[in-house]
């Protein structure tokens, strides 16, 4: 089979090599999957560069999200040959391969109605947004939800999940194309942060009250400015630092305005409470079947162009999730 391999650290286009390697054998407690789609994430770039918080031994294959068809299972498996599934391969044998052998605990069923591309794009971003909104932010119907980077993976999921929960959603994005994407996803108001002041518009849209819940995967200046339009008793959900700078959170300001700054570390939640992750997966599939969520997918890329696709992802010119098809 073909597999993308990193033998030394560096930029993806410099260090990723496509190799012919043996097809993985089925280990104890594993499921063998023929991969039909793979999702790329920004941390795949950091892994290639050796800058991620965990550093797998070289050589390794990146890729954390795949979907495909079960081709072999062990005795007593919960899965059957021919079943459609999503899986989370574990480094160093990641998912940018035509076949993967994955621990059964990292495999999740998907319905016939869901495409393989959608399945590959559903897991991390929708799980993160669901965990953020419902388990950390306690979002309620009728509240105002402000979503930053609304055309990105986490942001696009948060818009859809916020609307499904009955919230009024305001989204920010950069440029007219991306703000239109936010509207198409269901945002009630879309703000172009390149030309508009989101603080002013949020206050206008809420009669001066501000947003009850703010989804912030950007950090830096975005977090600083979000503190100026958070409502009394509001919750700012800190999901990431795509802006590059880690902002400070003055506790006197949180006290005076009576809001909470809430950390959202879905990866640690996933490791500590795997059964809750499966519950969320079932809820997400039900929302998908009802048409409340549809993963936003950038133009699917061919398997042979993974390095170029990661460079494109790193340029931050894409939207939604970047998916590769072998």
C-alpha atoms as a PDB file:
ATOM      1  CA  UNK A   1       0.000   0.000   0.000  1.00  0.00           C
ATOM      2  CA  UNK A   2       0.973   3.657  -0.278  1.00  0.00           C
ATOM      3  CA  UNK A   3       1.669   5.673   2.855  1.00  0.00           C
ATOM      4  CA  UNK A   4       2.972   9.180   3.532  1.00  0.00           C
ATOM      5  CA  UNK A   5       6.049   9.050   5.773  1.00  0.00           C
ATOM      6  CA  UNK A   6       8.018  11.708   7.655  1.00  0.00           C
ATOM      7  CA  UNK A   7      11.652  10.601   8.076  1.00  0.00           C
ATOM      8  CA  UNK A   8      12.993  13.969   9.294  1.00  0.00           C
ATOM      9  CA  UNK A   9      11.337  17.099  10.653  1.00  0.00           C
ATOM     10  CA  UNK A  10      10.590  20.078   8.457  1.00  0.00           C
ATOM     11  CA  UNK A  11       7.843  21.678   6.390  1.00  0.00           C
ATOM     12  CA  UNK A  12       5.412  19.111   4.932  1.00  0.00           C
ATOM     13  CA  UNK A  13       6.359  19.822   1.321  1.00  0.00           C
ATOM     14  CA  UNK A  14      10.025  19.189   2.192  1.00  0.00           C
ATOM     15  CA  UNK A  15       9.841  16.093   4.376  1.00  0.00           C
ATOM     16  CA  UNK A  16       6.724  14.097   3.443  1.00  0.00           C
ATOM     17  CA  UNK A  17       7.486  11.146   1.171  1.00  0.00           C
ATOM     18  CA  UNK A  18       5.024   8.713  -0.348  1.00  0.00           C
ATOM     19  CA  UNK A  19       6.302   5.165   0.154  1.00  0.00           C
ATOM     20  CA  UNK A  20       5.219   1.664  -0.773  1.00  0.00           C
ATOM     21  CA  UNK A  21       4.977  -0.183   2.544  1.00  0.00           C
ATOM     22  CA  UNK A  22       3.473  -3.501   3.682  1.00  0.00           C
ATOM     23  CA  UNK A  23      -0.228  -3.491   4.432  1.00  0.00           C
ATOM     24  CA  UNK A  24      -0.726  -3.550   8.229  1.00  0.00           C
ATOM     25  CA  UNK A  25      -1.577  -6.867   9.829  1.00  0.00           C
ATOM     26  CA  UNK A  26      -4.477  -7.221  12.241  1.00  0.00           C
ATOM     27  CA  UNK A  27      -3.316  -7.013  15.840  1.00  0.00           C
ATOM     28  CA  UNK A  28      -5.130  -8.113  18.979  1.00  0.00           C
ATOM     29  CA  UNK A  29      -8.172  -5.919  19.626  1.00  0.00           C
ATOM     30  CA  UNK A  30      -7.764  -4.128  16.312  1.00  0.00           C
ATOM     31  CA  UNK A  31      -9.891  -3.471  13.231  1.00  0.00           C
ATOM     32  CA  UNK A  32      -8.349  -3.443   9.738  1.00  0.00           C
ATOM     33  CA  UNK A  33      -9.801  -0.655   7.600  1.00  0.00           C
ATOM     34  CA  UNK A  34      -9.500   0.190   3.912  1.00  0.00           C
ATOM     35  CA  UNK A  35      -9.344   3.985   3.979  1.00  0.00           C
ATOM     36  CA  UNK A  36     -11.746   5.937   1.769  1.00  0.00           C
ATOM     37  CA  UNK A  37     -11.172   9.488   3.080  1.00  0.00           C
ATOM     38  CA  UNK A  38      -8.804  11.302   5.448  1.00  0.00           C
ATOM     39  CA  UNK A  39      -9.095  14.708   7.094  1.00  0.00           C
ATOM     40  CA  UNK A  40      -6.112  17.004   7.559  1.00  0.00           C
ATOM     41  CA  UNK A  41      -5.559  19.156  10.645  1.00  0.00           C
ATOM     42  CA  UNK A  42      -3.232  22.032  11.429  1.00  0.00           C
ATOM     43  CA  UNK A  43      -1.438  19.906  14.002  1.00  0.00           C
ATOM     44  CA  UNK A  44      -0.370  17.569  11.162  1.00  0.00           C
ATOM     45  CA  UNK A  45       1.821  20.452   9.958  1.00  0.00           C
ATOM     46  CA  UNK A  46       3.255  20.946  13.444  1.00  0.00           C
ATOM     47  CA  UNK A  47       3.960  17.210  13.713  1.00  0.00           C
ATOM     48  CA  UNK A  48       5.925  17.309  10.469  1.00  0.00           C
ATOM     49  CA  UNK A  49       7.878  20.310  11.757  1.00  0.00           C
ATOM     50  CA  UNK A  50       8.552  18.705  15.135  1.00  0.00           C
ATOM     51  CA  UNK A  51       6.768  21.574  16.874  1.00  0.00           C
ATOM     52  CA  UNK A  52       3.743  19.745  18.276  1.00  0.00           C
ATOM     53  CA  UNK A  53       3.434  19.085  22.026  1.00  0.00           C
ATOM     54  CA  UNK A  54       3.891  15.362  21.416  1.00  0.00           C
ATOM     55  CA  UNK A  55       6.753  14.282  19.169  1.00  0.00           C
ATOM     56  CA  UNK A  56       6.409  10.781  17.684  1.00  0.00           C
ATOM     57  CA  UNK A  57       9.610   8.885  16.943  1.00  0.00           C
ATOM     58  CA  UNK A  58      10.874   9.139  13.378  1.00  0.00           C
ATOM     59  CA  UNK A  59       9.856   7.839  10.930  1.00  0.00           C
ATOM     60  CA  UNK A  60       6.096   8.241  11.334  1.00  0.00           C
ATOM     61  CA  UNK A  61       2.926   8.694   9.313  1.00  0.00           C
ATOM     62  CA  UNK A  62       0.709  11.667  10.289  1.00  0.00           C
ATOM     63  CA  UNK A  63      -3.083  11.764  10.062  1.00  0.00           C
ATOM     64  CA  UNK A  64      -5.614  11.593  12.901  1.00  0.00           C
ATOM     65  CA  UNK A  65      -8.979  11.145  11.165  1.00  0.00           C
ATOM     66  CA  UNK A  66      -9.990   8.559   8.577  1.00  0.00           C
ATOM     67  CA  UNK A  67     -13.118   6.869   7.343  1.00  0.00           C
ATOM     68  CA  UNK A  68     -13.450   3.660   5.414  1.00  0.00           C
ATOM     69  CA  UNK A  69     -14.646   0.072   5.260  1.00  0.00           C
ATOM     70  CA  UNK A  70     -13.826  -2.674   7.755  1.00  0.00           C
ATOM     71  CA  UNK A  71     -11.938  -5.487   6.013  1.00  0.00           C
ATOM     72  CA  UNK A  72     -10.928  -7.683   8.960  1.00  0.00           C
ATOM     73  CA  UNK A  73     -11.795  -8.004  12.656  1.00  0.00           C
ATOM     74  CA  UNK A  74     -10.703 -10.138  15.575  1.00  0.00           C
ATOM     75  CA  UNK A  75     -12.788 -12.683  17.444  1.00  0.00           C
ATOM     76  CA  UNK A  76     -15.609 -11.104  19.443  1.00  0.00           C
ATOM     77  CA  UNK A  77     -15.343  -7.752  17.701  1.00  0.00           C
ATOM     78  CA  UNK A  78     -18.187  -5.244  17.854  1.00  0.00           C
ATOM     79  CA  UNK A  79     -17.637  -4.587  14.147  1.00  0.00           C
ATOM     80  CA  UNK A  80     -18.187  -6.700  11.028  1.00  0.00           C
ATOM     81  CA  UNK A  81     -16.429  -6.927   7.683  1.00  0.00           C
ATOM     82  CA  UNK A  82     -17.970  -4.464   5.227  1.00  0.00           C
ATOM     83  CA  UNK A  83     -19.100  -2.012   7.906  1.00  0.00           C
ATOM     84  CA  UNK A  84     -18.613   1.720   7.278  1.00  0.00           C
ATOM     85  CA  UNK A  85     -16.658   3.393  10.096  1.00  0.00           C
ATOM     86  CA  UNK A  86     -14.702   6.397  11.253  1.00  0.00           C
ATOM     87  CA  UNK A  87     -11.375   5.780  13.016  1.00  0.00           C
ATOM     88  CA  UNK A  88      -8.639   7.637  14.924  1.00  0.00           C
ATOM     89  CA  UNK A  89      -5.300   6.039  14.047  1.00  0.00           C
ATOM     90  CA  UNK A  90      -2.519   6.398  16.615  1.00  0.00           C
ATOM     91  CA  UNK A  91       0.968   7.699  15.871  1.00  0.00           C
ATOM     92  CA  UNK A  92       3.445   6.652  14.674  1.00  0.00           C
ATOM     93  CA  UNK A  93       1.119   4.730  12.325  1.00  0.00           C
ATOM     94  CA  UNK A  94      -1.202   7.617  11.426  1.00  0.00           C
ATOM     95  CA  UNK A  95      -3.996   7.806   8.914  1.00  0.00           C
ATOM     96  CA  UNK A  96      -2.332   9.092   5.736  1.00  0.00           C
ATOM     97  CA  UNK A  97      -2.225   5.542   4.373  1.00  0.00           C
ATOM     98  CA  UNK A  98      -4.436   3.463   2.119  1.00  0.00           C
ATOM     99  CA  UNK A  99      -5.015   0.920   4.914  1.00  0.00           C
ATOM    100  CA  UNK A 100      -4.889   1.256   8.708  1.00  0.00           C
ATOM    101  CA  UNK A 101      -5.079  -1.139  11.649  1.00  0.00           C
ATOM    102  CA  UNK A 102      -6.743   0.672  14.547  1.00  0.00           C
ATOM    103  CA  UNK A 103      -7.616  -0.231  18.128  1.00  0.00           C
ATOM    104  CA  UNK A 104     -11.317  -1.031  18.384  1.00  0.00           C
ATOM    105  CA  UNK A 105     -11.723   1.664  21.027  1.00  0.00           C
ATOM    106  CA  UNK A 106     -10.806   4.256  18.406  1.00  0.00           C
ATOM    107  CA  UNK A 107     -13.385   3.092  15.851  1.00  0.00           C
ATOM    108  CA  UNK A 108     -16.884   4.578  15.524  1.00  0.00           C
ATOM    109  CA  UNK A 109     -19.763   3.462  13.279  1.00  0.00           C
ATOM    110  CA  UNK A 110     -21.166   5.795  10.618  1.00  0.00           C
ATOM    111  CA  UNK A 111     -24.525   5.563   8.825  1.00  0.00           C
ATOM    112  CA  UNK A 112     -25.059   4.690   5.169  1.00  0.00           C
ATOM    113  CA  UNK A 113     -26.430   8.204   4.602  1.00  0.00           C
ATOM    114  CA  UNK A 114     -23.090   9.835   5.491  1.00  0.00           C
ATOM    115  CA  UNK A 115     -20.391  10.133   2.836  1.00  0.00           C
ATOM    116  CA  UNK A 116     -16.869   9.037   3.668  1.00  0.00           C
ATOM    117  CA  UNK A 117     -15.679  12.632   3.203  1.00  0.00           C
ATOM    118  CA  UNK A 118     -18.244  13.891   5.724  1.00  0.00           C
ATOM    119  CA  UNK A 119     -17.356  11.126   8.172  1.00  0.00           C
ATOM    120  CA  UNK A 120     -13.648  11.974   8.040  1.00  0.00           C
ATOM    121  CA  UNK A 121     -14.471  15.657   8.643  1.00  0.00           C
ATOM    122  CA  UNK A 122     -16.993  15.168  11.448  1.00  0.00           C
ATOM    123  CA  UNK A 123     -15.065  13.951  14.433  1.00  0.00           C
ATOM    124  CA  UNK A 124     -12.520  16.337  15.971  1.00  0.00           C
ATOM    125  CA  UNK A 125     -14.138  19.651  15.075  1.00  0.00           C
ATOM    126  CA  UNK A 126     -17.726  18.673  15.870  1.00  0.00           C
ATOM    127  CA  UNK A 127     -16.745  16.828  19.031  1.00  0.00           C
ATOM    128  CA  UNK A 128     -14.745  19.871  20.148  1.00  0.00           C
ATOM    129  CA  UNK A 129     -17.578  22.307  19.409  1.00  0.00           C
ATOM    130  CA  UNK A 130     -20.218  20.080  21.026  1.00  0.00           C
ATOM    131  CA  UNK A 131     -18.080  19.651  24.156  1.00  0.00           C
ATOM    132  CA  UNK A 132     -17.402  23.403  24.235  1.00  0.00           C
ATOM    133  CA  UNK A 133     -21.001  24.534  23.811  1.00  0.00           C
ATOM    134  CA  UNK A 134     -22.849  21.942  25.867  1.00  0.00           C
ATOM    135  CA  UNK A 135     -20.462  20.647  28.530  1.00  0.00           C
ATOM    136  CA  UNK A 136     -18.296  23.724  29.112  1.00  0.00           C
ATOM    137  CA  UNK A 137     -20.443  26.643  27.943  1.00  0.00           C
ATOM    138  CA  UNK A 138     -23.881  25.337  29.018  1.00  0.00           C
ATOM    139  CA  UNK A 139     -25.446  27.038  26.007  1.00  0.00           C
ATOM    140  CA  UNK A 140     -29.204  27.500  26.354  1.00  0.00           C
ATOM    141  CA  UNK A 141     -31.942  28.075  23.791  1.00  0.00           C
ATOM    142  CA  UNK A 142     -32.526  31.774  23.233  1.00  0.00           C
ATOM    143  CA  UNK A 143     -28.992  32.825  24.190  1.00  0.00           C
ATOM    144  CA  UNK A 144     -26.690  34.760  21.865  1.00  0.00           C
ATOM    145  CA  UNK A 145     -23.655  32.832  20.649  1.00  0.00           C
ATOM    146  CA  UNK A 146     -20.688  34.641  19.092  1.00  0.00           C
ATOM    147  CA  UNK A 147     -18.455  32.347  17.014  1.00  0.00           C
ATOM    148  CA  UNK A 148     -15.045  33.558  15.909  1.00  0.00           C
ATOM    149  CA  UNK A 149     -13.429  32.104  12.772  1.00  0.00           C
ATOM    150  CA  UNK A 150     -16.860  30.924  11.731  1.00  0.00           C
ATOM    151  CA  UNK A 151     -15.755  29.495   8.388  1.00  0.00           C
ATOM    152  CA  UNK A 152     -13.069  27.300   9.971  1.00  0.00           C
ATOM    153  CA  UNK A 153     -13.465  23.733  11.166  1.00  0.00           C
ATOM    154  CA  UNK A 154     -14.424  24.385  14.799  1.00  0.00           C
ATOM    155  CA  UNK A 155     -16.256  27.596  13.936  1.00  0.00           C
ATOM    156  CA  UNK A 156     -18.411  26.086  11.194  1.00  0.00           C
ATOM    157  CA  UNK A 157     -19.362  23.240  13.538  1.00  0.00           C
ATOM    158  CA  UNK A 158     -20.182  25.703  16.331  1.00  0.00           C
ATOM    159  CA  UNK A 159     -22.504  27.707  14.076  1.00  0.00           C
ATOM    160  CA  UNK A 160     -24.519  24.618  13.167  1.00  0.00           C
ATOM    161  CA  UNK A 161     -24.565  23.202  16.687  1.00  0.00           C
ATOM    162  CA  UNK A 162     -25.512  26.601  18.131  1.00  0.00           C
ATOM    163  CA  UNK A 163     -28.476  26.890  15.785  1.00  0.00           C
ATOM    164  CA  UNK A 164     -29.503  23.313  16.563  1.00  0.00           C
ATOM    165  CA  UNK A 165     -29.499  24.247  20.259  1.00  0.00           C
ATOM    166  CA  UNK A 166     -31.817  27.193  19.631  1.00  0.00           C
ATOM    167  CA  UNK A 167     -29.263  29.988  20.027  1.00  0.00           C
ATOM    168  CA  UNK A 168     -29.054  33.198  18.016  1.00  0.00           C
ATOM    169  CA  UNK A 169     -25.694  32.967  16.265  1.00  0.00           C
ATOM    170  CA  UNK A 170     -23.359  35.803  15.330  1.00  0.00           C
ATOM    171  CA  UNK A 171     -20.215  34.768  13.462  1.00  0.00           C
ATOM    172  CA  UNK A 172     -17.003  36.517  12.451  1.00  0.00           C
ATOM    173  CA  UNK A 173     -14.851  35.658   9.447  1.00  0.00           C
ATOM    174  CA  UNK A 174     -12.340  37.354   7.170  1.00  0.00           C
ATOM    175  CA  UNK A 175     -13.672  38.585   3.833  1.00  0.00           C
ATOM    176  CA  UNK A 176     -16.987  38.447   1.951  1.00  0.00           C
ATOM    177  CA  UNK A 177     -16.586  34.836   0.763  1.00  0.00           C
ATOM    178  CA  UNK A 178     -16.091  33.524   4.281  1.00  0.00           C
ATOM    179  CA  UNK A 179     -18.864  35.636   5.809  1.00  0.00           C
ATOM    180  CA  UNK A 180     -21.234  34.284   3.155  1.00  0.00           C
ATOM    181  CA  UNK A 181     -20.188  30.760   4.144  1.00  0.00           C
ATOM    182  CA  UNK A 182     -21.185  31.616   7.730  1.00  0.00           C
ATOM    183  CA  UNK A 183     -24.615  32.790   6.555  1.00  0.00           C
ATOM    184  CA  UNK A 184     -25.050  29.646   4.462  1.00  0.00           C
ATOM    185  CA  UNK A 185     -24.265  27.579   7.577  1.00  0.00           C
ATOM    186  CA  UNK A 186     -27.100  29.331   9.426  1.00  0.00           C
ATOM    187  CA  UNK A 187     -25.504  32.316  11.175  1.00  0.00           C
ATOM    188  CA  UNK A 188     -28.083  35.027  11.872  1.00  0.00           C
ATOM    189  CA  UNK A 189     -25.421  37.719  11.559  1.00  0.00           C
ATOM    190  CA  UNK A 190     -22.020  37.455   9.844  1.00  0.00           C
ATOM    191  CA  UNK A 191     -19.312  40.062  10.517  1.00  0.00           C
ATOM    192  CA  UNK A 192     -16.285  40.664   8.299  1.00  0.00           C
ATOM    193  CA  UNK A 193     -13.602  41.358  10.887  1.00  0.00           C
ATOM    194  CA  UNK A 194     -11.318  42.732   8.157  1.00  0.00           C
ATOM    195  CA  UNK A 195     -13.605  45.711   7.586  1.00  0.00           C
ATOM    196  CA  UNK A 196     -16.086  45.730  10.495  1.00  0.00           C
ATOM    197  CA  UNK A 197     -15.880  46.158  14.268  1.00  0.00           C
ATOM    198  CA  UNK A 198     -17.387  43.034  15.826  1.00  0.00           C
ATOM    199  CA  UNK A 199     -17.652  44.677  19.268  1.00  0.00           C
ATOM    200  CA  UNK A 200     -19.871  47.445  17.905  1.00  0.00           C
ATOM    201  CA  UNK A 201     -22.058  45.095  15.878  1.00  0.00           C
ATOM    202  CA  UNK A 202     -22.498  42.561  18.697  1.00  0.00           C
ATOM    203  CA  UNK A 203     -23.592  45.332  21.047  1.00  0.00           C
ATOM    204  CA  UNK A 204     -25.978  46.724  18.425  1.00  0.00           C
ATOM    205  CA  UNK A 205     -27.455  43.282  17.744  1.00  0.00           C
ATOM    206  CA  UNK A 206     -27.980  42.583  21.460  1.00  0.00           C
ATOM    207  CA  UNK A 207     -29.210  45.985  22.609  1.00  0.00           C
ATOM    208  CA  UNK A 208     -25.936  46.612  24.425  1.00  0.00           C
ATOM    209  CA  UNK A 209     -26.088  43.331  26.378  1.00  0.00           C
ATOM    210  CA  UNK A 210     -23.385  41.410  24.574  1.00  0.00           C
ATOM    211  CA  UNK A 211     -23.029  37.725  23.714  1.00  0.00           C
ATOM    212  CA  UNK A 212     -23.876  35.086  26.314  1.00  0.00           C
ATOM    213  CA  UNK A 213     -21.333  32.594  24.972  1.00  0.00           C
ATOM    214  CA  UNK A 214     -18.259  33.304  22.830  1.00  0.00           C
ATOM    215  CA  UNK A 215     -16.373  30.577  20.967  1.00  0.00           C
ATOM    216  CA  UNK A 216     -12.738  31.681  20.617  1.00  0.00           C
ATOM    217  CA  UNK A 217     -10.297  29.450  18.722  1.00  0.00           C
ATOM    218  CA  UNK A 218      -8.170  32.505  17.837  1.00  0.00           C
ATOM    219  CA  UNK A 219      -6.917  34.072  21.085  1.00  0.00           C
ATOM    220  CA  UNK A 220      -4.684  37.150  21.158  1.00  0.00           C
ATOM    221  CA  UNK A 221      -6.407  40.375  20.139  1.00  0.00           C
ATOM    222  CA  UNK A 222      -9.639  38.487  19.442  1.00  0.00           C
ATOM    223  CA  UNK A 223      -9.838  37.365  23.065  1.00  0.00           C
ATOM    224  CA  UNK A 224      -8.962  40.858  24.335  1.00  0.00           C
ATOM    225  CA  UNK A 225     -11.726  42.408  22.260  1.00  0.00           C
ATOM    226  CA  UNK A 226     -14.228  39.663  23.095  1.00  0.00           C
ATOM    227  CA  UNK A 227     -14.040  40.715  26.742  1.00  0.00           C
ATOM    228  CA  UNK A 228     -15.615  44.022  25.668  1.00  0.00           C
ATOM    229  CA  UNK A 229     -18.757  42.411  24.254  1.00  0.00           C
ATOM    230  CA  UNK A 230     -19.394  39.538  26.658  1.00  0.00           C
ATOM    231  CA  UNK A 231     -22.710  39.664  28.491  1.00  0.00           C
ATOM    232  CA  UNK A 232     -23.248  39.634  32.254  1.00  0.00           C
ATOM    233  CA  UNK A 233     -22.922  35.993  33.367  1.00  0.00           C
ATOM    234  CA  UNK A 234     -21.363  35.220  29.957  1.00  0.00           C
ATOM    235  CA  UNK A 235     -18.856  32.487  29.118  1.00  0.00           C
ATOM    236  CA  UNK A 236     -15.800  32.928  26.887  1.00  0.00           C
ATOM    237  CA  UNK A 237     -14.707  29.503  25.647  1.00  0.00           C
ATOM    238  CA  UNK A 238     -10.949  29.324  25.064  1.00  0.00           C
ATOM    239  CA  UNK A 239     -10.419  26.668  22.384  1.00  0.00           C
ATOM    240  CA  UNK A 240      -7.117  27.618  20.746  1.00  0.00           C
ATOM    241  CA  UNK A 241      -4.630  30.262  19.740  1.00  0.00           C
ATOM    242  CA  UNK A 242      -4.726  30.364  15.948  1.00  0.00           C
ATOM    243  CA  UNK A 243      -3.876  34.064  16.123  1.00  0.00           C
ATOM    244  CA  UNK A 244      -0.466  33.158  17.549  1.00  0.00           C
ATOM    245  CA  UNK A 245      -0.529  35.152  20.797  1.00  0.00           C
ATOM    246  CA  UNK A 246      -1.784  33.746  24.095  1.00  0.00           C
ATOM    247  CA  UNK A 247      -3.845  36.504  25.691  1.00  0.00           C
ATOM    248  CA  UNK A 248      -3.952  37.457  29.349  1.00  0.00           C
ATOM    249  CA  UNK A 249      -7.237  37.197  31.256  1.00  0.00           C
ATOM    250  CA  UNK A 250      -7.411  40.018  33.864  1.00  0.00           C
ATOM    251  CA  UNK A 251      -9.340  38.601  36.804  1.00  0.00           C
ATOM    252  CA  UNK A 252     -10.526  42.049  37.928  1.00  0.00           C
ATOM    253  CA  UNK A 253     -12.310  42.494  34.585  1.00  0.00           C
ATOM    254  CA  UNK A 254     -13.952  39.061  34.891  1.00  0.00           C
ATOM    255  CA  UNK A 255     -15.132  39.999  38.380  1.00  0.00           C
ATOM    256  CA  UNK A 256     -16.531  43.426  37.412  1.00  0.00           C
ATOM    257  CA  UNK A 257     -18.433  42.074  34.376  1.00  0.00           C
ATOM    258  CA  UNK A 258     -19.305  38.773  36.066  1.00  0.00           C
ATOM    259  CA  UNK A 259     -18.220  36.493  33.212  1.00  0.00           C
ATOM    260  CA  UNK A 260     -16.284  33.236  33.053  1.00  0.00           C
ATOM    261  CA  UNK A 261     -13.207  32.330  31.032  1.00  0.00           C
ATOM    262  CA  UNK A 262     -13.573  28.616  30.350  1.00  0.00           C
ATOM    263  CA  UNK A 263     -10.880  26.308  29.041  1.00  0.00           C
ATOM    264  CA  UNK A 264     -11.856  23.724  26.427  1.00  0.00           C
ATOM    265  CA  UNK A 265      -9.351  20.853  26.172  1.00  0.00           C
ATOM    266  CA  UNK A 266     -11.334  18.241  24.268  1.00  0.00           C
ATOM    267  CA  UNK A 267      -8.328  15.945  23.790  1.00  0.00           C
ATOM    268  CA  UNK A 268      -7.900  15.480  27.534  1.00  0.00           C
ATOM    269  CA  UNK A 269     -11.671  15.044  27.966  1.00  0.00           C
ATOM    270  CA  UNK A 270     -11.552  12.362  25.238  1.00  0.00           C
ATOM    271  CA  UNK A 271      -8.824  10.459  27.085  1.00  0.00           C
ATOM    272  CA  UNK A 272     -10.478  10.709  30.511  1.00  0.00           C
ATOM    273  CA  UNK A 273     -14.086  10.047  29.479  1.00  0.00           C
ATOM    274  CA  UNK A 274     -14.149   7.857  26.332  1.00  0.00           C
ATOM    275  CA  UNK A 275     -17.730   6.720  26.947  1.00  0.00           C
ATOM    276  CA  UNK A 276     -18.916  10.335  26.953  1.00  0.00           C
ATOM    277  CA  UNK A 277     -17.147  10.818  23.635  1.00  0.00           C
ATOM    278  CA  UNK A 278     -19.176   7.914  22.254  1.00  0.00           C
ATOM    279  CA  UNK A 279     -22.364   9.516  23.603  1.00  0.00           C
ATOM    280  CA  UNK A 280     -21.484  12.753  21.831  1.00  0.00           C
ATOM    281  CA  UNK A 281     -20.800  10.779  18.634  1.00  0.00           C
ATOM    282  CA  UNK A 282     -24.284   9.271  18.823  1.00  0.00           C
ATOM    283  CA  UNK A 283     -25.802  12.716  19.389  1.00  0.00           C
ATOM    284  CA  UNK A 284     -23.888  14.117  16.409  1.00  0.00           C
ATOM    285  CA  UNK A 285     -25.085  11.285  14.164  1.00  0.00           C
ATOM    286  CA  UNK A 286     -28.670  12.003  15.231  1.00  0.00           C
ATOM    287  CA  UNK A 287     -28.178  15.700  14.419  1.00  0.00           C
ATOM    288  CA  UNK A 288     -26.725  14.704  11.052  1.00  0.00           C
ATOM    289  CA  UNK A 289     -29.669  12.434  10.277  1.00  0.00           C
ATOM    290  CA  UNK A 290     -32.054  15.313  11.090  1.00  0.00           C
ATOM    291  CA  UNK A 291     -30.115  17.627   8.777  1.00  0.00           C
ATOM    292  CA  UNK A 292     -29.016  19.950  11.582  1.00  0.00           C
ATOM    293  CA  UNK A 293     -25.312  19.477  10.868  1.00  0.00           C
ATOM    294  CA  UNK A 294     -23.380  18.943   7.647  1.00  0.00           C
ATOM    295  CA  UNK A 295     -19.573  19.063   7.765  1.00  0.00           C
ATOM    296  CA  UNK A 296     -18.175  21.963   5.745  1.00  0.00           C
ATOM    297  CA  UNK A 297     -15.590  20.465   3.387  1.00  0.00           C
ATOM    298  CA  UNK A 298     -13.077  22.343   1.280  1.00  0.00           C
ATOM    299  CA  UNK A 299     -12.485  20.986  -2.228  1.00  0.00           C
ATOM    300  CA  UNK A 300     -11.374  17.360  -1.678  1.00  0.00           C
ATOM    301  CA  UNK A 301      -7.706  16.812  -2.507  1.00  0.00           C
ATOM    302  CA  UNK A 302      -6.093  13.743  -4.136  1.00  0.00           C
ATOM    303  CA  UNK A 303      -3.938  11.468  -2.005  1.00  0.00           C
ATOM    304  CA  UNK A 304      -0.900  12.185  -4.162  1.00  0.00           C
ATOM    305  CA  UNK A 305      -1.026  15.900  -3.213  1.00  0.00           C
ATOM    306  CA  UNK A 306      -1.028  15.673   0.594  1.00  0.00           C
ATOM    307  CA  UNK A 307       2.058  17.937   1.014  1.00  0.00           C
ATOM    308  CA  UNK A 308       0.502  20.641  -1.191  1.00  0.00           C
ATOM    309  CA  UNK A 309      -2.791  20.259   0.680  1.00  0.00           C
ATOM    310  CA  UNK A 310      -1.032  20.777   4.028  1.00  0.00           C
ATOM    311  CA  UNK A 311       0.750  23.841   2.628  1.00  0.00           C
ATOM    312  CA  UNK A 312      -2.647  25.155   1.550  1.00  0.00           C
ATOM    313  CA  UNK A 313      -4.031  24.484   5.025  1.00  0.00           C
ATOM    314  CA  UNK A 314      -1.070  26.282   6.572  1.00  0.00           C
ATOM    315  CA  UNK A 315      -1.751  29.352   4.422  1.00  0.00           C
ATOM    316  CA  UNK A 316      -5.127  29.714   6.216  1.00  0.00           C
ATOM    317  CA  UNK A 317      -6.813  30.360   2.874  1.00  0.00           C
ATOM    318  CA  UNK A 318      -9.076  27.325   3.148  1.00  0.00           C
ATOM    319  CA  UNK A 319     -12.393  26.981   4.958  1.00  0.00           C
ATOM    320  CA  UNK A 320     -14.056  24.128   6.785  1.00  0.00           C
ATOM    321  CA  UNK A 321     -12.112  20.869   6.796  1.00  0.00           C
ATOM    322  CA  UNK A 322      -9.555  19.770   4.235  1.00  0.00           C
ATOM    323  CA  UNK A 323     -10.207  16.180   3.154  1.00  0.00           C
ATOM    324  CA  UNK A 324      -8.035  13.836   1.076  1.00  0.00           C
ATOM    325  CA  UNK A 325      -9.278  10.891  -1.008  1.00  0.00           C
ATOM    326  CA  UNK A 326      -6.958   7.950  -1.795  1.00  0.00           C
END
